[in-house]
PDB file of N, CA and C in Angstrom:
ATOM      1  N   VAL A   1      10.499 -67.213 -64.167  1.00  0.00           N
ATOM      2  CA  VAL A   1      11.625 -68.107 -64.007  1.00  0.00           C
ATOM      3  C   VAL A   1      11.662 -68.573 -62.560  1.00  0.00           C
ATOM      4  N   LEU A   2      11.730 -69.862 -62.355  1.00  0.00           N
ATOM      5  CA  LEU A   2      11.812 -70.419 -61.012  1.00  0.00           C
ATOM      6  C   LEU A   2      13.167 -71.077 -60.838  1.00  0.00           C
ATOM      7  N   GLY A   3      13.737 -70.940 -59.666  1.00  0.00           N
ATOM      8  CA  GLY A   3      15.022 -71.564 -59.420  1.00  0.00           C
ATOM      9  C   GLY A   3      15.642 -71.043 -58.148  1.00  0.00           C
ATOM     10  N   PRO A   4      16.928 -71.321 -57.943  1.00  0.00           N
ATOM     11  CA  PRO A   4      17.608 -70.899 -56.722  1.00  0.00           C
ATOM     12  C   PRO A   4      17.811 -69.381 -56.670  1.00  0.00           C
ATOM     13  N   THR A   5      18.218 -68.894 -55.516  1.00  0.00           N
ATOM     14  CA  THR A   5      18.490 -67.471 -55.341  1.00  0.00           C
ATOM     15  C   THR A   5      19.475 -66.991 -56.400  1.00  0.00           C
ATOM     16  N   GLY A   6      19.211 -65.832 -56.980  1.00  0.00           N
ATOM     17  CA  GLY A   6      20.091 -65.267 -57.994  1.00  0.00           C
ATOM     18  C   GLY A   6      19.706 -65.623 -59.415  1.00  0.00           C
ATOM     19  N   VAL A   7      18.696 -66.463 -59.588  1.00  0.00           N
ATOM     20  CA  VAL A   7      18.315 -66.875 -60.936  1.00  0.00           C
ATOM     21  C   VAL A   7      17.787 -65.697 -61.743  1.00  0.00           C
ATOM     22  N   GLU A   8      17.268 -64.658 -61.061  1.00  0.00           N
ATOM     23  CA  GLU A   8      16.790 -63.491 -61.815  1.00  0.00           C
ATOM     24  C   GLU A   8      17.944 -62.803 -62.545  1.00  0.00           C
ATOM     25  N   MET A   9      19.131 -62.845 -61.974  1.00  0.00           N
ATOM     26  CA  MET A   9      20.294 -62.264 -62.654  1.00  0.00           C
ATOM     27  C   MET A   9      20.649 -63.068 -63.898  1.00  0.00           C
ATOM     28  N   GLU A  10      20.526 -64.387 -63.819  1.00  0.00           N
ATOM     29  CA  GLU A  10      20.777 -65.225 -64.988  1.00  0.00           C
ATOM     30  C   GLU A  10      19.765 -64.929 -66.080  1.00  0.00           C
ATOM     31  N   ALA A  11      18.507 -64.715 -65.696  1.00  0.00           N
ATOM     32  CA  ALA A  11      17.469 -64.385 -66.669  1.00  0.00           C
ATOM     33  C   ALA A  11      17.744 -63.028 -67.314  1.00  0.00           C
ATOM     34  N   MET A  12      18.214 -62.063 -66.526  1.00  0.00           N
ATOM     35  CA  MET A  12      18.512 -60.740 -67.081  1.00  0.00           C
ATOM     36  C   MET A  12      19.713 -60.788 -68.021  1.00  0.00           C
ATOM     37  N   VAL A  13      20.697 -61.612 -67.710  1.00  0.00           N
ATOM     38  CA  VAL A  13      21.845 -61.782 -68.613  1.00  0.00           C
ATOM     39  C   VAL A  13      21.372 -62.403 -69.921  1.00  0.00           C
ATOM     40  N   GLY A  14      20.484 -63.392 -69.834  1.00  0.00           N
ATOM     41  CA  GLY A  14      19.937 -64.017 -71.040  1.00  0.00           C
ATOM     42  C   GLY A  14      19.156 -63.029 -71.892  1.00  0.00           C
ATOM     43  N   ALA A  15      18.337 -62.194 -71.244  1.00  0.00           N
ATOM     44  CA  ALA A  15      17.574 -61.173 -71.969  1.00  0.00           C
ATOM     45  C   ALA A  15      18.511 -60.152 -72.610  1.00  0.00           C
ATOM     46  N   SER A  16      19.563 -59.776 -71.894  1.00  0.00           N
ATOM     47  CA  SER A  16      20.543 -58.820 -72.429  1.00  0.00           C
ATOM     48  C   SER A  16      21.249 -59.398 -73.653  1.00  0.00           C
ATOM     49  N   LEU A  17      21.645 -60.644 -73.561  1.00  0.00           N
ATOM     50  CA  LEU A  17      22.335 -61.293 -74.672  1.00  0.00           C
ATOM     51  C   LEU A  17      21.423 -61.391 -75.892  1.00  0.00           C
ATOM     52  N   ALA A  18      20.161 -61.737 -75.674  1.00  0.00           N
ATOM     53  CA  ALA A  18      19.208 -61.808 -76.785  1.00  0.00           C
ATOM     54  C   ALA A  18      19.027 -60.435 -77.429  1.00  0.00           C
ATOM     55  N   ALA A  19      18.899 -59.383 -76.611  1.00  0.00           N
ATOM     56  CA  ALA A  19      18.738 -58.026 -77.138  1.00  0.00           C
ATOM     57  C   ALA A  19      19.973 -57.590 -77.923  1.00  0.00           C
ATOM     58  N   LEU A  20      21.156 -57.897 -77.405  1.00  0.00           N
ATOM     59  CA  LEU A  20      22.389 -57.530 -78.106  1.00  0.00           C
ATOM     60  C   LEU A  20      22.548 -58.300 -79.417  1.00  0.00           C
ATOM     61  N   THR A  21      22.094 -59.545 -79.445  1.00  0.00           N
ATOM     62  CA  THR A  21      22.139 -60.335 -80.674  1.00  0.00           C
ATOM     63  C   THR A  21      21.231 -59.720 -81.729  1.00  0.00           C
ATOM     64  N   LEU A  22      19.999 -59.347 -81.323  1.00  0.00           N
ATOM     65  CA  LEU A  22      19.078 -58.691 -82.258  1.00  0.00           C
ATOM     66  C   LEU A  22      19.645 -57.355 -82.730  1.00  0.00           C
ATOM     67  N   TYR A  23      20.248 -56.612 -81.829  1.00  0.00           N
ATOM     68  CA  TYR A  23      20.885 -55.339 -82.186  1.00  0.00           C
ATOM     69  C   TYR A  23      21.959 -55.567 -83.250  1.00  0.00           C
ATOM     70  N   ASP A  24      22.810 -56.546 -83.025  1.00  0.00           N
ATOM     71  CA  ASP A  24      23.903 -56.830 -83.954  1.00  0.00           C
ATOM     72  C   ASP A  24      23.377 -57.226 -85.331  1.00  0.00           C
ATOM     73  N   MET A  25      22.278 -57.994 -85.361  1.00  0.00           N
ATOM     74  CA  MET A  25      21.727 -58.458 -86.633  1.00  0.00           C
ATOM     75  C   MET A  25      21.003 -57.353 -87.396  1.00  0.00           C
ATOM     76  N   THR A  26      20.518 -56.311 -86.710  1.00  0.00           N
ATOM     77  CA  THR A  26      19.708 -55.286 -87.375  1.00  0.00           C
ATOM     78  C   THR A  26      20.376 -53.914 -87.478  1.00  0.00           C
ATOM     79  N   LYS A  27      21.554 -53.740 -86.915  1.00  0.00           N
ATOM     80  CA  LYS A  27      22.203 -52.421 -86.929  1.00  0.00           C
ATOM     81  C   LYS A  27      22.513 -51.941 -88.341  1.00  0.00           C
ATOM     82  N   GLY A  28      22.677 -52.847 -89.285  1.00  0.00           N
ATOM     83  CA  GLY A  28      22.924 -52.455 -90.669  1.00  0.00           C
ATOM     84  C   GLY A  28      21.693 -51.900 -91.357  1.00  0.00           C
ATOM     85  N   VAL A  29      20.518 -52.268 -90.880  1.00  0.00           N
ATOM     86  CA  VAL A  29      19.260 -51.807 -91.462  1.00  0.00           C
ATOM     87  C   VAL A  29      18.886 -50.429 -90.929  1.00  0.00           C
ATOM     88  N   ASP A  30      19.097 -50.209 -89.635  1.00  0.00           N
ATOM     89  CA  ASP A  30      18.735 -48.939 -88.991  1.00  0.00           C
ATOM     90  C   ASP A  30      19.876 -48.505 -88.076  1.00  0.00           C
ATOM     91  N   LYS A  31      20.582 -47.472 -88.466  1.00  0.00           N
ATOM     92  CA  LYS A  31      21.738 -47.003 -87.680  1.00  0.00           C
ATOM     93  C   LYS A  31      21.323 -46.419 -86.331  1.00  0.00           C
ATOM     94  N   GLY A  32      20.058 -46.034 -86.178  1.00  0.00           N
ATOM     95  CA  GLY A  32      19.592 -45.415 -84.937  1.00  0.00           C
ATOM     96  C   GLY A  32      18.984 -46.390 -83.950  1.00  0.00           C
ATOM     97  N   ILE A  33      19.113 -47.681 -84.207  1.00  0.00           N
ATOM     98  CA  ILE A  33      18.510 -48.684 -83.319  1.00  0.00           C
ATOM     99  C   ILE A  33      19.164 -48.633 -81.936  1.00  0.00           C
ATOM    100  N   SER A  34      18.374 -48.881 -80.910  1.00  0.00           N
ATOM    101  CA  SER A  34      18.918 -48.877 -79.549  1.00  0.00           C
ATOM    102  C   SER A  34      18.157 -49.861 -78.665  1.00  0.00           C
ATOM    103  N   ILE A  35      18.797 -50.266 -77.600  1.00  0.00           N
ATOM    104  CA  ILE A  35      18.163 -51.085 -76.569  1.00  0.00           C
ATOM    105  C   ILE A  35      17.738 -50.114 -75.478  1.00  0.00           C
ATOM    106  N   GLU A  36      16.447 -50.002 -75.248  1.00  0.00           N
ATOM    107  CA  GLU A  36      15.930 -48.992 -74.327  1.00  0.00           C
ATOM    108  C   GLU A  36      16.070 -49.380 -72.862  1.00  0.00           C
ATOM    109  N   SER A  37      15.620 -50.567 -72.485  1.00  0.00           N
ATOM    110  CA  SER A  37      15.723 -50.937 -71.071  1.00  0.00           C
ATOM    111  C   SER A  37      15.622 -52.446 -70.888  1.00  0.00           C
ATOM    112  N   ILE A  38      16.334 -52.910 -69.906  1.00  0.00           N
ATOM    113  CA  ILE A  38      16.229 -54.287 -69.426  1.00  0.00           C
ATOM    114  C   ILE A  38      16.137 -54.152 -67.918  1.00  0.00           C
ATOM    115  N   GLU A  39      15.006 -54.511 -67.361  1.00  0.00           N
ATOM    116  CA  GLU A  39      14.804 -54.265 -65.935  1.00  0.00           C
ATOM    117  C   GLU A  39      14.026 -55.400 -65.279  1.00  0.00           C
ATOM    118  N   LEU A  40      14.295 -55.598 -64.017  1.00  0.00           N
ATOM    119  CA  LEU A  40      13.589 -56.593 -63.220  1.00  0.00           C
ATOM    120  C   LEU A  40      12.302 -55.959 -62.709  1.00  0.00           C
ATOM    121  N   LEU A  41      11.167 -56.568 -63.014  1.00  0.00           N
ATOM    122  CA  LEU A  41       9.882 -56.022 -62.593  1.00  0.00           C
ATOM    123  C   LEU A  41       9.367 -56.658 -61.312  1.00  0.00           C
ATOM    124  N   GLU A  42       9.677 -57.935 -61.121  1.00  0.00           N
ATOM    125  CA  GLU A  42       9.143 -58.650 -59.962  1.00  0.00           C
ATOM    126  C   GLU A  42       9.972 -59.899 -59.712  1.00  0.00           C
ATOM    127  N   LYS A  43      10.118 -60.280 -58.450  1.00  0.00           N
ATOM    128  CA  LYS A  43      10.760 -61.554 -58.114  1.00  0.00           C
ATOM    129  C   LYS A  43      10.120 -62.100 -56.853  1.00  0.00           C
ATOM    130  N   SER A  44      10.230 -63.388 -56.688  1.00  0.00           N
ATOM    131  CA  SER A  44       9.696 -64.010 -55.473  1.00  0.00           C
ATOM    132  C   SER A  44      10.681 -65.058 -54.978  1.00  0.00           C
ATOM    133  N   GLY A  45      10.657 -65.280 -53.672  1.00  0.00           N
ATOM    134  CA  GLY A  45      11.535 -66.265 -53.059  1.00  0.00           C
ATOM    135  C   GLY A  45      12.926 -65.719 -52.806  1.00  0.00           C
ATOM    136  N   GLY A  46      13.809 -66.595 -52.446  1.00  0.00           N
ATOM    137  CA  GLY A  46      15.184 -66.200 -52.166  1.00  0.00           C
ATOM    138  C   GLY A  46      15.354 -65.627 -50.779  1.00  0.00           C
ATOM    139  N   LYS A  47      16.577 -65.239 -50.458  1.00  0.00           N
ATOM    140  CA  LYS A  47      16.895 -64.717 -49.129  1.00  0.00           C
ATOM    141  C   LYS A  47      16.178 -63.409 -48.829  1.00  0.00           C
ATOM    142  N   SER A  48      15.973 -62.584 -49.848  1.00  0.00           N
ATOM    143  CA  SER A  48      15.346 -61.271 -49.648  1.00  0.00           C
ATOM    144  C   SER A  48      13.827 -61.316 -49.704  1.00  0.00           C
ATOM    145  N   GLY A  49      13.265 -62.445 -50.059  1.00  0.00           N
ATOM    146  CA  GLY A  49      11.811 -62.556 -50.153  1.00  0.00           C
ATOM    147  C   GLY A  49      11.272 -61.960 -51.446  1.00  0.00           C
ATOM    148  N   ASP A  50       9.968 -61.696 -51.453  1.00  0.00           N
ATOM    149  CA  ASP A  50       9.307 -61.172 -52.645  1.00  0.00           C
ATOM    150  C   ASP A  50       9.637 -59.695 -52.839  1.00  0.00           C
ATOM    151  N   TRP A  51       9.621 -59.279 -54.105  1.00  0.00           N
ATOM    152  CA  TRP A  51       9.900 -57.881 -54.428  1.00  0.00           C
ATOM    153  C   TRP A  51       9.149 -57.520 -55.698  1.00  0.00           C
ATOM    154  N   VAL A  52       8.536 -56.342 -55.714  1.00  0.00           N
ATOM    155  CA  VAL A  52       7.854 -55.818 -56.898  1.00  0.00           C
ATOM    156  C   VAL A  52       8.370 -54.410 -57.133  1.00  0.00           C
ATOM    157  N   ARG A  53       8.728 -54.114 -58.370  1.00  0.00           N
ATOM    158  CA  ARG A  53       9.230 -52.771 -58.701  1.00  0.00           C
ATOM    159  C   ARG A  53       8.142 -51.742 -58.422  1.00  0.00           C
ATOM    160  N   PRO A  54       8.481 -50.690 -57.691  1.00  0.00           N
ATOM    161  CA  PRO A  54       7.463 -49.666 -57.380  1.00  0.00           C
ATOM    162  C   PRO A  54       7.049 -48.877 -58.609  1.00  0.00           C
TER     163      PRO A  54
END
């Protein structure tokens, strides 16, 4: 995702919303379904510069 500073947070909100939508649609099929992780792996640009998850 390319864009202004903070766009990675918008992308993570979008990913979270998509995961929650899938969860809501499938919870009736499998009661044990869960969302395991949503995490930022890498970003570039912005005030803080480039960052890669260790």
